[in-house]
Amino acid sequence: MRAMISGGNTTVYVSDLNAAVRFYCDTLGCELVNRVPEHWALVSAGPGVNIGLHPQSPRGPKPGARGAMSIGFNVTRPLAEVVRTLEDRGVRFDGHSDSPKEPVRLSFFSDPDGNPLYLCEYK
């Protein structure tokens, strides 16, 4: 049986679409795939991670509401190097996790609306 669903995206509700596009594309290095001015922007962080940026709507959660979502980005360079690069671009990290019992190292930060994001490096 052929799959009925293939791919998709995570929607992030934002308070300022232009600022969100700048953060996800210019700061994090995502690619802008599509944009409908003042309504929607689709950015890609690479295979398997598409993020829809959408201004707040009556049906969606308030931008930055913790617990509603979290996006993880797998790094392609050493985690410490990526963290330094993003810190140089103004990103402030909330913490890091590197337990010997876990197969990954994580570094936590937020987008301009306070939505939780993290970087992931497989050991």
PDB file of N, CA and C in Angstrom:
ATOM      1  N   MET A   1       0.843  -1.181   0.000  1.00  0.00           N
ATOM      2  CA  MET A   1       0.000   0.000   0.000  1.00  0.00           C
ATOM      3  C   MET A   1       0.888   1.243   0.000  1.00  0.00           C
ATOM      4  N   ARG A   2       0.609   2.170  -0.898  1.00  0.00           N
ATOM      5  CA  ARG A   2       1.350   3.420  -0.968  1.00  0.00           C
ATOM      6  C   ARG A   2       1.031   4.306   0.216  1.00  0.00           C
ATOM      7  N   ALA A   3       2.028   5.023   0.700  1.00  0.00           N
ATOM      8  CA  ALA A   3       1.811   5.944   1.817  1.00  0.00           C
ATOM      9  C   ALA A   3       0.810   7.017   1.424  1.00  0.00           C
ATOM     10  N   MET A   4      -0.081   7.322   2.332  1.00  0.00           N
ATOM     11  CA  MET A   4      -1.079   8.346   2.087  1.00  0.00           C
ATOM     12  C   MET A   4      -0.526   9.740   2.383  1.00  0.00           C
ATOM     13  N   ILE A   5       0.452   9.802   3.265  1.00  0.00           N
ATOM     14  CA  ILE A   5       1.035  11.080   3.654  1.00  0.00           C
ATOM     15  C   ILE A   5       2.541  10.983   3.485  1.00  0.00           C
ATOM     16  N   SER A   6       3.126  12.035   2.961  1.00  0.00           N
ATOM     17  CA  SER A   6       4.575  12.066   2.787  1.00  0.00           C
ATOM     18  C   SER A   6       5.079  13.482   3.026  1.00  0.00           C
ATOM     19  N   GLY A   7       5.947  13.648   4.005  1.00  0.00           N
ATOM     20  CA  GLY A   7       6.514  14.963   4.282  1.00  0.00           C
ATOM     21  C   GLY A   7       5.548  15.878   4.993  1.00  0.00           C
ATOM     22  N   GLY A   8       5.903  17.126   5.058  1.00  0.00           N
ATOM     23  CA  GLY A   8       5.087  18.123   5.727  1.00  0.00           C
ATOM     24  C   GLY A   8       5.971  19.182   6.338  1.00  0.00           C
ATOM     25  N   ASN A   9       5.428  19.918   7.285  1.00  0.00           N
ATOM     26  CA  ASN A   9       6.204  20.950   7.950  1.00  0.00           C
ATOM     27  C   ASN A   9       5.684  21.190   9.357  1.00  0.00           C
ATOM     28  N   THR A  10       6.518  21.796  10.161  1.00  0.00           N
ATOM     29  CA  THR A  10       6.142  22.264  11.488  1.00  0.00           C
ATOM     30  C   THR A  10       5.763  23.725  11.349  1.00  0.00           C
ATOM     31  N   THR A  11       4.646  24.139  11.917  1.00  0.00           N
ATOM     32  CA  THR A  11       4.250  25.542  11.877  1.00  0.00           C
ATOM     33  C   THR A  11       4.652  26.217  13.176  1.00  0.00           C
ATOM     34  N   VAL A  12       5.306  27.360  13.042  1.00  0.00           N
ATOM     35  CA  VAL A  12       5.706  28.170  14.183  1.00  0.00           C
ATOM     36  C   VAL A  12       4.982  29.503  14.057  1.00  0.00           C
ATOM     37  N   TYR A  13       4.174  29.841  15.066  1.00  0.00           N
ATOM     38  CA  TYR A  13       3.469  31.121  15.062  1.00  0.00           C
ATOM     39  C   TYR A  13       4.410  32.191  15.588  1.00  0.00           C
ATOM     40  N   VAL A  14       4.526  33.289  14.842  1.00  0.00           N
ATOM     41  CA  VAL A  14       5.499  34.337  15.155  1.00  0.00           C
ATOM     42  C   VAL A  14       4.812  35.693  15.274  1.00  0.00           C
ATOM     43  N   SER A  15       5.423  36.591  16.035  1.00  0.00           N
ATOM     44  CA  SER A  15       4.852  37.925  16.209  1.00  0.00           C
ATOM     45  C   SER A  15       5.283  38.882  15.104  1.00  0.00           C
ATOM     46  N   ASP A  16       6.410  38.617  14.446  1.00  0.00           N
ATOM     47  CA  ASP A  16       6.925  39.484  13.384  1.00  0.00           C
ATOM     48  C   ASP A  16       7.508  38.580  12.300  1.00  0.00           C
ATOM     49  N   LEU A  17       6.778  38.437  11.198  1.00  0.00           N
ATOM     50  CA  LEU A  17       7.185  37.513  10.141  1.00  0.00           C
ATOM     51  C   LEU A  17       8.540  37.897   9.550  1.00  0.00           C
ATOM     52  N   ASN A  18       8.771  39.177   9.317  1.00  0.00           N
ATOM     53  CA  ASN A  18      10.052  39.600   8.738  1.00  0.00           C
ATOM     54  C   ASN A  18      11.217  39.264   9.662  1.00  0.00           C
ATOM     55  N   ALA A  19      11.060  39.535  10.960  1.00  0.00           N
ATOM     56  CA  ALA A  19      12.121  39.218  11.926  1.00  0.00           C
ATOM     57  C   ALA A  19      12.351  37.710  12.001  1.00  0.00           C
ATOM     58  N   ALA A  20      11.272  36.930  11.938  1.00  0.00           N
ATOM     59  CA  ALA A  20      11.403  35.468  11.993  1.00  0.00           C
ATOM     60  C   ALA A  20      12.153  34.946  10.772  1.00  0.00           C
ATOM     61  N   VAL A  21      11.823  35.454   9.586  1.00  0.00           N
ATOM     62  CA  VAL A  21      12.520  35.022   8.368  1.00  0.00           C
ATOM     63  C   VAL A  21      14.005  35.373   8.471  1.00  0.00           C
ATOM     64  N   ARG A  22      14.318  36.577   8.939  1.00  0.00           N
ATOM     65  CA  ARG A  22      15.729  36.964   9.098  1.00  0.00           C
ATOM     66  C   ARG A  22      16.441  36.018  10.073  1.00  0.00           C
ATOM     67  N   PHE A  23      15.791  35.697  11.208  1.00  0.00           N
ATOM     68  CA  PHE A  23      16.425  34.819  12.191  1.00  0.00           C
ATOM     69  C   PHE A  23      16.659  33.428  11.616  1.00  0.00           C
ATOM     70  N   TYR A  24      15.620  32.802  11.082  1.00  0.00           N
ATOM     71  CA  TYR A  24      15.753  31.429  10.603  1.00  0.00           C
ATOM     72  C   TYR A  24      16.670  31.333   9.381  1.00  0.00           C
ATOM     73  N   CYS A  25      16.646  32.337   8.498  1.00  0.00           N
ATOM     74  CA  CYS A  25      17.476  32.284   7.288  1.00  0.00           C
ATOM     75  C   CYS A  25      18.862  32.893   7.499  1.00  0.00           C
ATOM     76  N   ASP A  26      18.921  34.140   7.956  1.00  0.00           N
ATOM     77  CA  ASP A  26      20.218  34.816   8.073  1.00  0.00           C
ATOM     78  C   ASP A  26      21.036  34.312   9.255  1.00  0.00           C
ATOM     79  N   THR A  27      20.394  34.109  10.404  1.00  0.00           N
ATOM     80  CA  THR A  27      21.129  33.689  11.597  1.00  0.00           C
ATOM     81  C   THR A  27      21.407  32.194  11.595  1.00  0.00           C
ATOM     82  N   LEU A  28      20.353  31.381  11.378  1.00  0.00           N
ATOM     83  CA  LEU A  28      20.525  29.923  11.431  1.00  0.00           C
ATOM     84  C   LEU A  28      20.977  29.315  10.110  1.00  0.00           C
ATOM     85  N   GLY A  29      20.806  30.029   9.002  1.00  0.00           N
ATOM     86  CA  GLY A  29      21.246  29.513   7.715  1.00  0.00           C
ATOM     87  C   GLY A  29      20.236  28.649   6.992  1.00  0.00           C
ATOM     88  N   CYS A  30      18.962  28.707   7.398  1.00  0.00           N
ATOM     89  CA  CYS A  30      17.920  27.974   6.677  1.00  0.00           C
ATOM     90  C   CYS A  30      17.693  28.634   5.317  1.00  0.00           C
ATOM     91  N   GLU A  31      17.065  27.900   4.409  1.00  0.00           N
ATOM     92  CA  GLU A  31      16.774  28.404   3.065  1.00  0.00           C
ATOM     93  C   GLU A  31      15.303  28.815   2.982  1.00  0.00           C
ATOM     94  N   LEU A  32      15.046  30.010   2.464  1.00  0.00           N
ATOM     95  CA  LEU A  32      13.675  30.455   2.230  1.00  0.00           C
ATOM     96  C   LEU A  32      13.156  29.734   0.995  1.00  0.00           C
ATOM     97  N   VAL A  33      12.103  28.930   1.155  1.00  0.00           N
ATOM     98  CA  VAL A  33      11.553  28.127   0.072  1.00  0.00           C
ATOM     99  C   VAL A  33      10.398  28.848  -0.609  1.00  0.00           C
ATOM    100  N   ASN A  34       9.539  29.480   0.192  1.00  0.00           N
ATOM    101  CA  ASN A  34       8.345  30.141  -0.343  1.00  0.00           C
ATOM    102  C   ASN A  34       7.912  31.210   0.639  1.00  0.00           C
ATOM    103  N   ARG A  35       7.285  32.261   0.107  1.00  0.00           N
ATOM    104  CA  ARG A  35       6.805  33.314   1.001  1.00  0.00           C
ATOM    105  C   ARG A  35       5.584  33.985   0.404  1.00  0.00           C
ATOM    106  N   VAL A  36       4.561  34.134   1.233  1.00  0.00           N
ATOM    107  CA  VAL A  36       3.387  34.936   0.908  1.00  0.00           C
ATOM    108  C   VAL A  36       3.462  36.118   1.869  1.00  0.00           C
ATOM    109  N   PRO A  37       3.770  37.333   1.371  1.00  0.00           N
ATOM    110  CA  PRO A  37       4.006  38.468   2.270  1.00  0.00           C
ATOM    111  C   PRO A  37       2.922  38.631   3.335  1.00  0.00           C
ATOM    112  N   GLU A  38       3.376  38.835   4.564  1.00  0.00           N
ATOM    113  CA  GLU A  38       2.534  39.074   5.741  1.00  0.00           C
ATOM    114  C   GLU A  38       1.581  37.922   6.072  1.00  0.00           C
ATOM    115  N   HIS A  39       1.780  36.754   5.455  1.00  0.00           N
ATOM    116  CA  HIS A  39       0.883  35.633   5.738  1.00  0.00           C
ATOM    117  C   HIS A  39       1.625  34.336   6.062  1.00  0.00           C
ATOM    118  N   TRP A  40       2.736  34.060   5.387  1.00  0.00           N
ATOM    119  CA  TRP A  40       3.340  32.731   5.512  1.00  0.00           C
ATOM    120  C   TRP A  40       4.739  32.745   4.912  1.00  0.00           C
ATOM    121  N   ALA A  41       5.645  32.028   5.508  1.00  0.00           N
ATOM    122  CA  ALA A  41       6.961  31.790   4.913  1.00  0.00           C
ATOM    123  C   ALA A  41       7.343  30.351   5.230  1.00  0.00           C
ATOM    124  N   LEU A  42       7.878  29.668   4.248  1.00  0.00           N
ATOM    125  CA  LEU A  42       8.342  28.299   4.436  1.00  0.00           C
ATOM    126  C   LEU A  42       9.857  28.302   4.312  1.00  0.00           C
ATOM    127  N   VAL A  43      10.533  27.812   5.355  1.00  0.00           N
ATOM    128  CA  VAL A  43      11.987  27.715   5.324  1.00  0.00           C
ATOM    129  C   VAL A  43      12.378  26.253   5.492  1.00  0.00           C
ATOM    130  N   SER A  44      13.516  25.909   4.912  1.00  0.00           N
ATOM    131  CA  SER A  44      14.015  24.538   4.997  1.00  0.00           C
ATOM    132  C   SER A  44      15.345  24.538   5.732  1.00  0.00           C
ATOM    133  N   ALA A  45      15.472  23.615   6.683  1.00  0.00           N
ATOM    134  CA  ALA A  45      16.732  23.422   7.394  1.00  0.00           C
ATOM    135  C   ALA A  45      17.471  22.212   6.831  1.00  0.00           C
ATOM    136  N   GLY A  46      17.058  21.752   5.666  1.00  0.00           N
ATOM    137  CA  GLY A  46      17.677  20.590   5.046  1.00  0.00           C
ATOM    138  C   GLY A  46      16.673  19.456   4.954  1.00  0.00           C
ATOM    139  N   PRO A  47      17.092  18.311   4.442  1.00  0.00           N
ATOM    140  CA  PRO A  47      16.173  17.190   4.250  1.00  0.00           C
ATOM    141  C   PRO A  47      15.419  16.829   5.529  1.00  0.00           C
ATOM    142  N   GLY A  48      14.112  16.825   5.423  1.00  0.00           N
ATOM    143  CA  GLY A  48      13.273  16.370   6.529  1.00  0.00           C
ATOM    144  C   GLY A  48      12.836  17.424   7.514  1.00  0.00           C
ATOM    145  N   VAL A  49      13.350  18.672   7.409  1.00  0.00           N
ATOM    146  CA  VAL A  49      12.939  19.707   8.359  1.00  0.00           C
ATOM    147  C   VAL A  49      12.497  20.956   7.604  1.00  0.00           C
ATOM    148  N   ASN A  50      11.192  21.095   7.451  1.00  0.00           N
ATOM    149  CA  ASN A  50      10.593  22.292   6.882  1.00  0.00           C
ATOM    150  C   ASN A  50       9.812  22.995   7.976  1.00  0.00           C
ATOM    151  N   ILE A  51       9.961  24.319   8.037  1.00  0.00           N
ATOM    152  CA  ILE A  51       9.326  25.108   9.082  1.00  0.00           C
ATOM    153  C   ILE A  51       8.461  26.171   8.431  1.00  0.00           C
ATOM    154  N   GLY A  52       7.173  26.146   8.747  1.00  0.00           N
ATOM    155  CA  GLY A  52       6.258  27.171   8.275  1.00  0.00           C
ATOM    156  C   GLY A  52       6.173  28.277   9.312  1.00  0.00           C
ATOM    157  N   LEU A  53       6.508  29.495   8.927  1.00  0.00           N
ATOM    158  CA  LEU A  53       6.427  30.647   9.825  1.00  0.00           C
ATOM    159  C   LEU A  53       5.127  31.374   9.518  1.00  0.00           C
ATOM    160  N   HIS A  54       4.311  31.579  10.539  1.00  0.00           N
ATOM    161  CA  HIS A  54       2.968  32.120  10.332  1.00  0.00           C
ATOM    162  C   HIS A  54       2.668  33.159  11.406  1.00  0.00           C
ATOM    163  N   PRO A  55       2.193  34.349  11.007  1.00  0.00           N
ATOM    164  CA  PRO A  55       1.778  35.317  12.026  1.00  0.00           C
ATOM    165  C   PRO A  55       0.671  34.730  12.894  1.00  0.00           C
ATOM    166  N   GLN A  56       0.561  35.242  14.105  1.00  0.00           N
ATOM    167  CA  GLN A  56      -0.456  34.745  15.035  1.00  0.00           C
ATOM    168  C   GLN A  56      -1.836  34.801  14.390  1.00  0.00           C
ATOM    169  N   SER A  57      -2.618  33.759  14.634  1.00  0.00           N
ATOM    170  CA  SER A  57      -3.990  33.709  14.132  1.00  0.00           C
ATOM    171  C   SER A  57      -4.903  33.305  15.280  1.00  0.00           C
ATOM    172  N   PRO A  58      -6.199  33.573  15.151  1.00  0.00           N
ATOM    173  CA  PRO A  58      -7.119  33.205  16.228  1.00  0.00           C
ATOM    174  C   PRO A  58      -7.102  31.709  16.551  1.00  0.00           C
ATOM    175  N   ARG A  59      -6.801  30.856  15.554  1.00  0.00           N
ATOM    176  CA  ARG A  59      -6.805  29.408  15.770  1.00  0.00           C
ATOM    177  C   ARG A  59      -5.491  28.879  16.310  1.00  0.00           C
ATOM    178  N   GLY A  60      -4.410  29.650  16.166  1.00  0.00           N
ATOM    179  CA  GLY A  60      -3.098  29.162  16.567  1.00  0.00           C
ATOM    180  C   GLY A  60      -2.704  29.630  17.951  1.00  0.00           C
ATOM    181  N   PRO A  61      -1.670  29.015  18.515  1.00  0.00           N
ATOM    182  CA  PRO A  61      -1.188  29.418  19.839  1.00  0.00           C
ATOM    183  C   PRO A  61      -0.492  30.773  19.780  1.00  0.00           C
ATOM    184  N   LYS A  62      -0.378  31.388  20.921  1.00  0.00           N
ATOM    185  CA  LYS A  62       0.319  32.663  21.023  1.00  0.00           C
ATOM    186  C   LYS A  62       1.804  32.435  20.713  1.00  0.00           C
ATOM    187  N   PRO A  63       2.423  33.299  19.893  1.00  0.00           N
ATOM    188  CA  PRO A  63       3.846  33.131  19.604  1.00  0.00           C
ATOM    189  C   PRO A  63       4.672  33.074  20.884  1.00  0.00           C
ATOM    190  N   GLY A  64       5.589  32.136  20.924  1.00  0.00           N
ATOM    191  CA  GLY A  64       6.490  32.010  22.059  1.00  0.00           C
ATOM    192  C   GLY A  64       5.947  31.243  23.242  1.00  0.00           C
ATOM    193  N   ALA A  65       4.718  30.722  23.149  1.00  0.00           N
ATOM    194  CA  ALA A  65       4.155  29.947  24.261  1.00  0.00           C
ATOM    195  C   ALA A  65       4.980  28.674  24.429  1.00  0.00           C
ATOM    196  N   ARG A  66       5.634  28.523  25.560  1.00  0.00           N
ATOM    197  CA  ARG A  66       6.488  27.355  25.792  1.00  0.00           C
ATOM    198  C   ARG A  66       5.659  26.079  25.902  1.00  0.00           C
ATOM    199  N   GLY A  67       6.235  25.006  25.393  1.00  0.00           N
ATOM    200  CA  GLY A  67       5.595  23.709  25.493  1.00  0.00           C
ATOM    201  C   GLY A  67       4.744  23.351  24.294  1.00  0.00           C
ATOM    202  N   ALA A  68       4.417  24.336  23.467  1.00  0.00           N
ATOM    203  CA  ALA A  68       3.580  24.061  22.312  1.00  0.00           C
ATOM    204  C   ALA A  68       4.376  23.403  21.195  1.00  0.00           C
ATOM    205  N   MET A  69       5.676  23.676  21.144  1.00  0.00           N
ATOM    206  CA  MET A  69       6.515  23.092  20.106  1.00  0.00           C
ATOM    207  C   MET A  69       7.975  23.230  20.478  1.00  0.00           C
ATOM    208  N   SER A  70       8.803  22.459  19.833  1.00  0.00           N
ATOM    209  CA  SER A  70      10.249  22.585  19.932  1.00  0.00           C
ATOM    210  C   SER A  70      10.818  22.020  18.642  1.00  0.00           C
ATOM    211  N   ILE A  71      11.821  22.680  18.102  1.00  0.00           N
ATOM    212  CA  ILE A  71      12.423  22.215  16.858  1.00  0.00           C
ATOM    213  C   ILE A  71      13.882  21.897  17.124  1.00  0.00           C
ATOM    214  N   GLY A  72      14.306  20.717  16.704  1.00  0.00           N
ATOM    215  CA  GLY A  72      15.701  20.322  16.825  1.00  0.00           C
ATOM    216  C   GLY A  72      16.377  20.346  15.471  1.00  0.00           C
ATOM    217  N   PHE A  73      17.598  20.853  15.440  1.00  0.00           N
ATOM    218  CA  PHE A  73      18.393  20.916  14.220  1.00  0.00           C
ATOM    219  C   PHE A  73      19.619  20.030  14.400  1.00  0.00           C
ATOM    220  N   ASN A  74      19.788  19.034  13.529  1.00  0.00           N
ATOM    221  CA  ASN A  74      20.993  18.206  13.554  1.00  0.00           C
ATOM    222  C   ASN A  74      22.133  19.014  12.948  1.00  0.00           C
ATOM    223  N   VAL A  75      23.277  19.068  13.632  1.00  0.00           N
ATOM    224  CA  VAL A  75      24.404  19.843  13.132  1.00  0.00           C
ATOM    225  C   VAL A  75      25.251  19.012  12.178  1.00  0.00           C
ATOM    226  N   THR A  76      25.901  19.684  11.237  1.00  0.00           N
ATOM    227  CA  THR A  76      26.757  19.010  10.262  1.00  0.00           C
ATOM    228  C   THR A  76      28.234  19.263  10.544  1.00  0.00           C
ATOM    229  N   ARG A  77      28.502  20.077  11.557  1.00  0.00           N
ATOM    230  CA  ARG A  77      29.861  20.352  12.031  1.00  0.00           C
ATOM    231  C   ARG A  77      29.864  20.102  13.527  1.00  0.00           C
ATOM    232  N   PRO A  78      31.020  20.090  14.183  1.00  0.00           N
ATOM    233  CA  PRO A  78      31.039  19.878  15.633  1.00  0.00           C
ATOM    234  C   PRO A  78      30.131  20.879  16.356  1.00  0.00           C
ATOM    235  N   LEU A  79      29.403  20.384  17.341  1.00  0.00           N
ATOM    236  CA  LEU A  79      28.429  21.203  18.061  1.00  0.00           C
ATOM    237  C   LEU A  79      29.057  22.480  18.619  1.00  0.00           C
ATOM    238  N   ALA A  80      30.213  22.371  19.240  1.00  0.00           N
ATOM    239  CA  ALA A  80      30.860  23.546  19.836  1.00  0.00           C
ATOM    240  C   ALA A  80      31.141  24.620  18.783  1.00  0.00           C
ATOM    241  N   GLU A  81      31.508  24.202  17.593  1.00  0.00           N
ATOM    242  CA  GLU A  81      31.783  25.141  16.501  1.00  0.00           C
ATOM    243  C   GLU A  81      30.503  25.860  16.076  1.00  0.00           C
ATOM    244  N   VAL A  82      29.414  25.118  15.947  1.00  0.00           N
ATOM    245  CA  VAL A  82      28.137  25.714  15.551  1.00  0.00           C
ATOM    246  C   VAL A  82      27.642  26.670  16.638  1.00  0.00           C
ATOM    247  N   VAL A  83      27.779  26.269  17.897  1.00  0.00           N
ATOM    248  CA  VAL A  83      27.375  27.140  19.010  1.00  0.00           C
ATOM    249  C   VAL A  83      28.149  28.452  18.947  1.00  0.00           C
ATOM    250  N   ARG A  84      29.469  28.385  18.755  1.00  0.00           N
ATOM    251  CA  ARG A  84      30.280  29.616  18.672  1.00  0.00           C
ATOM    252  C   ARG A  84      29.827  30.499  17.513  1.00  0.00           C
ATOM    253  N   THR A  85      29.562  29.895  16.365  1.00  0.00           N
ATOM    254  CA  THR A  85      29.112  30.664  15.201  1.00  0.00           C
ATOM    255  C   THR A  85      27.810  31.384  15.504  1.00  0.00           C
ATOM    256  N   LEU A  86      26.857  30.672  16.104  1.00  0.00           N
ATOM    257  CA  LEU A  86      25.566  31.292  16.409  1.00  0.00           C
ATOM    258  C   LEU A  86      25.695  32.339  17.507  1.00  0.00           C
ATOM    259  N   GLU A  87      26.557  32.107  18.488  1.00  0.00           N
ATOM    260  CA  GLU A  87      26.785  33.128  19.521  1.00  0.00           C
ATOM    261  C   GLU A  87      27.348  34.400  18.888  1.00  0.00           C
ATOM    262  N   ASP A  88      28.238  34.238  17.914  1.00  0.00           N
ATOM    263  CA  ASP A  88      28.781  35.396  17.196  1.00  0.00           C
ATOM    264  C   ASP A  88      27.693  36.146  16.434  1.00  0.00           C
ATOM    265  N   ARG A  89      26.608  35.443  16.100  1.00  0.00           N
ATOM    266  CA  ARG A  89      25.478  36.064  15.397  1.00  0.00           C
ATOM    267  C   ARG A  89      24.408  36.559  16.361  1.00  0.00           C
ATOM    268  N   GLY A  90      24.692  36.508  17.654  1.00  0.00           N
ATOM    269  CA  GLY A  90      23.776  37.070  18.641  1.00  0.00           C
ATOM    270  C   GLY A  90      22.861  36.091  19.344  1.00  0.00           C
ATOM    271  N   VAL A  91      22.986  34.799  19.070  1.00  0.00           N
ATOM    272  CA  VAL A  91      22.138  33.806  19.729  1.00  0.00           C
ATOM    273  C   VAL A  91      22.657  33.570  21.148  1.00  0.00           C
ATOM    274  N   ARG A  92      21.739  33.561  22.109  1.00  0.00           N
ATOM    275  CA  ARG A  92      22.090  33.243  23.501  1.00  0.00           C
ATOM    276  C   ARG A  92      21.562  31.847  23.817  1.00  0.00           C
ATOM    277  N   PHE A  93      22.432  31.003  24.336  1.00  0.00           N
ATOM    278  CA  PHE A  93      22.049  29.632  24.652  1.00  0.00           C
ATOM    279  C   PHE A  93      21.572  29.533  26.091  1.00  0.00           C
ATOM    280  N   ASP A  94      20.523  28.693  26.293  1.00  0.00           N
ATOM    281  CA  ASP A  94      19.902  28.508  27.607  1.00  0.00           C
ATOM    282  C   ASP A  94      20.544  27.371  28.388  1.00  0.00           C
ATOM    283  N   GLY A  95      21.306  26.528  27.728  1.00  0.00           N
ATOM    284  CA  GLY A  95      21.917  25.397  28.407  1.00  0.00           C
ATOM    285  C   GLY A  95      22.388  24.357  27.411  1.00  0.00           C
ATOM    286  N   HIS A  96      23.094  23.376  27.940  1.00  0.00           N
ATOM    287  CA  HIS A  96      23.664  22.307  27.121  1.00  0.00           C
ATOM    288  C   HIS A  96      23.494  20.989  27.871  1.00  0.00           C
ATOM    289  N   SER A  97      23.427  19.890  27.122  1.00  0.00           N
ATOM    290  CA  SER A  97      23.300  18.571  27.725  1.00  0.00           C
ATOM    291  C   SER A  97      24.281  17.630  27.041  1.00  0.00           C
ATOM    292  N   ASP A  98      25.104  16.973  27.841  1.00  0.00           N
ATOM    293  CA  ASP A  98      26.077  16.026  27.302  1.00  0.00           C
ATOM    294  C   ASP A  98      26.264  14.885  28.300  1.00  0.00           C
ATOM    295  N   SER A  99      25.209  14.120  28.510  1.00  0.00           N
ATOM    296  CA  SER A  99      25.256  13.004  29.451  1.00  0.00           C
ATOM    297  C   SER A  99      25.972  11.820  28.811  1.00  0.00           C
ATOM    298  N   PRO A 100      26.885  11.174  29.557  1.00  0.00           N
ATOM    299  CA  PRO A 100      27.550   9.989  29.014  1.00  0.00           C
ATOM    300  C   PRO A 100      26.569   8.863  28.688  1.00  0.00           C
ATOM    301  N   LYS A 101      25.379   8.902  29.277  1.00  0.00           N
ATOM    302  CA  LYS A 101      24.375   7.857  29.043  1.00  0.00           C
ATOM    303  C   LYS A 101      23.559   8.109  27.774  1.00  0.00           C
ATOM    304  N   GLU A 102      23.657   9.303  27.204  1.00  0.00           N
ATOM    305  CA  GLU A 102      22.858   9.661  26.029  1.00  0.00           C
ATOM    306  C   GLU A 102      23.710   9.618  24.761  1.00  0.00           C
ATOM    307  N   PRO A 103      23.100   9.268  23.621  1.00  0.00           N
ATOM    308  CA  PRO A 103      23.860   9.190  22.374  1.00  0.00           C
ATOM    309  C   PRO A 103      24.031  10.538  21.668  1.00  0.00           C
ATOM    310  N   VAL A 104      23.543  11.620  22.280  1.00  0.00           N
ATOM    311  CA  VAL A 104      23.602  12.933  21.637  1.00  0.00           C
ATOM    312  C   VAL A 104      24.093  14.002  22.612  1.00  0.00           C
ATOM    313  N   ARG A 105      24.600  15.088  22.038  1.00  0.00           N
ATOM    314  CA  ARG A 105      24.884  16.323  22.776  1.00  0.00           C
ATOM    315  C   ARG A 105      23.860  17.341  22.288  1.00  0.00           C
ATOM    316  N   LEU A 106      23.320  18.138  23.210  1.00  0.00           N
ATOM    317  CA  LEU A 106      22.293  19.111  22.854  1.00  0.00           C
ATOM    318  C   LEU A 106      22.671  20.494  23.373  1.00  0.00           C
ATOM    319  N   SER A 107      22.277  21.524  22.632  1.00  0.00           N
ATOM    320  CA  SER A 107      22.421  22.912  23.074  1.00  0.00           C
ATOM    321  C   SER A 107      21.095  23.609  22.813  1.00  0.00           C
ATOM    322  N   PHE A 108      20.574  24.281  23.836  1.00  0.00           N
ATOM    323  CA  PHE A 108      19.230  24.849  23.799  1.00  0.00           C
ATOM    324  C   PHE A 108      19.263  26.367  23.658  1.00  0.00           C
ATOM    325  N   PHE A 109      18.360  26.892  22.824  1.00  0.00           N
ATOM    326  CA  PHE A 109      18.234  28.331  22.628  1.00  0.00           C
ATOM    327  C   PHE A 109      16.811  28.627  22.179  1.00  0.00           C
ATOM    328  N   SER A 110      16.516  29.879  21.865  1.00  0.00           N
ATOM    329  CA  SER A 110      15.161  30.264  21.457  1.00  0.00           C
ATOM    330  C   SER A 110      15.225  31.179  20.248  1.00  0.00           C
ATOM    331  N   ASP A 111      14.121  31.223  19.495  1.00  0.00           N
ATOM    332  CA  ASP A 111      14.023  32.190  18.408  1.00  0.00           C
ATOM    333  C   ASP A 111      13.588  33.536  18.995  1.00  0.00           C
ATOM    334  N   PRO A 112      13.443  34.595  18.172  1.00  0.00           N
ATOM    335  CA  PRO A 112      13.095  35.908  18.722  1.00  0.00           C
ATOM    336  C   PRO A 112      11.768  35.953  19.478  1.00  0.00           C
ATOM    337  N   ASP A 113      10.852  35.012  19.233  1.00  0.00           N
ATOM    338  CA  ASP A 113       9.579  34.972  19.953  1.00  0.00           C
ATOM    339  C   ASP A 113       9.647  34.114  21.207  1.00  0.00           C
ATOM    340  N   GLY A 114      10.779  33.503  21.477  1.00  0.00           N
ATOM    341  CA  GLY A 114      10.908  32.646  22.653  1.00  0.00           C
ATOM    342  C   GLY A 114      10.544  31.199  22.398  1.00  0.00           C
ATOM    343  N   ASN A 115      10.292  30.819  21.135  1.00  0.00           N
ATOM    344  CA  ASN A 115      10.004  29.420  20.821  1.00  0.00           C
ATOM    345  C   ASN A 115      11.269  28.598  21.054  1.00  0.00           C
ATOM    346  N   PRO A 116      11.155  27.468  21.771  1.00  0.00           N
ATOM    347  CA  PRO A 116      12.337  26.673  22.104  1.00  0.00           C
ATOM    348  C   PRO A 116      12.897  25.911  20.901  1.00  0.00           C
ATOM    349  N   LEU A 117      14.212  26.012  20.733  1.00  0.00           N
ATOM    350  CA  LEU A 117      14.939  25.340  19.666  1.00  0.00           C
ATOM    351  C   LEU A 117      16.141  24.639  20.288  1.00  0.00           C
ATOM    352  N   TYR A 118      16.685  23.661  19.577  1.00  0.00           N
ATOM    353  CA  TYR A 118      17.914  23.038  20.068  1.00  0.00           C
ATOM    354  C   TYR A 118      18.754  22.526  18.911  1.00  0.00           C
ATOM    355  N   LEU A 119      20.046  22.431  19.164  1.00  0.00           N
ATOM    356  CA  LEU A 119      20.989  21.822  18.239  1.00  0.00           C
ATOM    357  C   LEU A 119      21.298  20.428  18.754  1.00  0.00           C
ATOM    358  N   CYS A 120      21.488  19.483  17.842  1.00  0.00           N
ATOM    359  CA  CYS A 120      21.734  18.093  18.222  1.00  0.00           C
ATOM    360  C   CYS A 120      22.948  17.559  17.461  1.00  0.00           C
ATOM    361  N   GLU A 121      23.893  17.005  18.226  1.00  0.00           N
ATOM    362  CA  GLU A 121      25.054  16.344  17.634  1.00  0.00           C
ATOM    363  C   GLU A 121      25.060  14.897  18.108  1.00  0.00           C
ATOM    364  N   TYR A 122      25.003  13.956  17.166  1.00  0.00           N
ATOM    365  CA  TYR A 122      25.091  12.542  17.527  1.00  0.00           C
ATOM    366  C   TYR A 122      26.540  12.204  17.826  1.00  0.00           C
ATOM    367  N   LYS A 123      26.759  11.472  18.926  1.00  0.00           N
ATOM    368  CA  LYS A 123      28.124  11.112  19.352  1.00  0.00           C
ATOM    369  C   LYS A 123      28.659   9.971  18.508  1.00  0.00           C
TER     370      LYS A 123
END
